[in-house]
Amino acid sequence: MGVLDGIASEQGEVAADRPRTALSGLCGWAIERGYCDANPTLSIRLRAPKRVRDRVLTESELVEIWQAAGDSEYGTIVKLLMLTGQRRLEIGDLGW
């Protein structure tokens, strides 16, 4: 089983597409600078269909969440996620 197959089975198809997307960007950068001649990710198919989210939180919903979050450590984290638009693990995995 390949690495992407393992990610797909453990975390889902969208998660398995993320490393391919990141590596493709790196390869594109390397081609532009003459470090390599081809992008090997072009032969790796995307697993998850592209879809666009059709709903976002309204301003009143955001206000309600903000007020309910409070000033605890958890509430501060929720507010940070709201302000940055990041996902929980994107903030949680940050290092100093």
Protein backbone atom coordinates (compact mmCIF):
# COMPACT_ATOMS: atom_id res chain seq x y z
CA MET A 1 0.00 0.00 0.00
CA GLY A 2 1.31 3.43 -0.91
CA VAL A 3 1.59 6.38 1.44
CA LEU A 4 -1.39 8.16 -0.11
CA ASP A 5 -3.47 4.97 0.10
CA GLY A 6 -2.71 4.81 3.82
CA ILE A 7 -3.71 8.43 4.34
CA ALA A 8 -6.90 7.88 2.34
CA SER A 9 -7.90 4.84 4.39
CA GLU A 10 -7.12 6.48 7.75
CA GLN A 11 -8.12 10.11 7.17
CA GLY A 12 -10.15 10.21 3.97
CA GLU A 13 -9.67 11.08 0.33
CA VAL A 14 -9.45 14.84 0.80
CA ALA A 15 -6.61 14.40 3.30
CA ALA A 16 -4.82 12.11 0.82
CA ASP A 17 -5.00 14.82 -1.85
CA ARG A 18 -3.28 17.43 0.33
CA PRO A 19 0.31 16.05 0.11
CA ARG A 20 -0.03 15.72 -3.68
CA THR A 21 -1.15 19.34 -3.92
CA ALA A 22 1.71 20.57 -1.72
CA LEU A 23 4.30 18.53 -3.62
CA SER A 24 2.92 19.74 -6.94
CA GLY A 25 3.40 23.34 -5.83
CA LEU A 26 6.97 22.59 -4.76
CA CYS A 27 7.71 20.92 -8.09
CA GLY A 28 6.25 23.87 -9.99
CA TRP A 29 8.52 26.19 -8.02
CA ALA A 30 11.54 23.94 -8.72
CA ILE A 31 10.77 23.86 -12.46
CA GLU A 32 10.54 27.66 -12.59
CA ARG A 33 13.99 27.93 -11.03
CA GLY A 34 15.56 25.22 -13.17
CA TYR A 35 16.07 22.70 -10.37
CA CYS A 36 14.10 20.00 -12.20
CA ASP A 37 12.50 19.46 -15.60
CA ALA A 38 9.17 17.77 -14.87
CA ASN A 39 6.43 17.58 -12.27
CA PRO A 40 6.06 13.92 -11.21
CA THR A 41 2.76 14.63 -9.45
CA LEU A 42 0.95 15.13 -12.75
CA SER A 43 0.48 11.37 -13.04
CA ILE A 44 -1.09 11.08 -9.56
CA ARG A 45 -4.85 11.40 -9.81
CA LEU A 46 -6.90 13.34 -7.30
CA ARG A 47 -9.02 11.06 -5.14
CA ALA A 48 -11.72 13.42 -3.90
CA PRO A 49 -14.01 15.32 -6.23
CA LYS A 50 -13.60 19.08 -6.10
CA ARG A 51 -16.50 20.71 -4.34
CA VAL A 52 -17.25 24.22 -3.26
CA ARG A 53 -18.79 24.94 0.10
CA ASP A 54 -22.11 26.62 -0.29
CA ARG A 55 -22.64 27.87 3.24
CA VAL A 56 -20.68 30.07 5.61
CA LEU A 57 -21.58 31.33 9.05
CA THR A 58 -23.61 34.51 9.12
CA GLU A 59 -22.44 37.54 11.06
CA SER A 60 -25.04 36.90 13.75
CA GLU A 61 -23.90 33.27 14.09
CA LEU A 62 -20.29 34.43 14.47
CA VAL A 63 -21.31 36.92 17.16
CA GLU A 64 -23.20 34.19 19.01
CA ILE A 65 -20.19 31.84 18.92
CA TRP A 66 -17.83 34.63 19.99
CA GLN A 67 -19.97 35.49 23.00
CA ALA A 68 -20.51 31.85 23.96
CA ALA A 69 -16.75 31.12 23.75
CA GLY A 70 -16.01 33.19 26.85
CA ASP A 71 -12.54 34.04 28.14
CA SER A 72 -11.28 30.58 29.10
CA GLU A 73 -8.30 29.02 27.31
CA TYR A 74 -10.74 27.07 25.14
CA GLY A 75 -12.69 30.23 24.32
CA THR A 76 -9.49 32.04 23.39
CA ILE A 77 -8.59 29.20 21.00
CA VAL A 78 -12.06 29.32 19.40
CA LYS A 79 -11.70 33.08 18.90
CA LEU A 80 -8.22 32.64 17.41
CA LEU A 81 -9.61 30.12 14.91
CA MET A 82 -12.41 32.52 14.01
CA LEU A 83 -10.06 35.47 13.53
CA THR A 84 -7.50 33.58 11.44
CA GLY A 85 -9.86 31.33 9.48
CA GLN A 86 -7.58 28.39 10.24
CA ARG A 87 -8.54 24.84 11.08
CA ARG A 88 -8.05 23.42 14.57
CA LEU A 89 -5.01 21.30 13.68
CA GLU A 90 -3.41 24.05 11.61
CA ILE A 91 -3.23 26.18 14.76
CA GLY A 92 -2.73 23.26 17.14
CA ASP A 93 0.31 21.96 15.27
CA LEU A 94 2.10 25.32 15.19
CA GLY A 95 5.44 25.57 16.91
CA TRP A 96 7.14 28.62 18.36
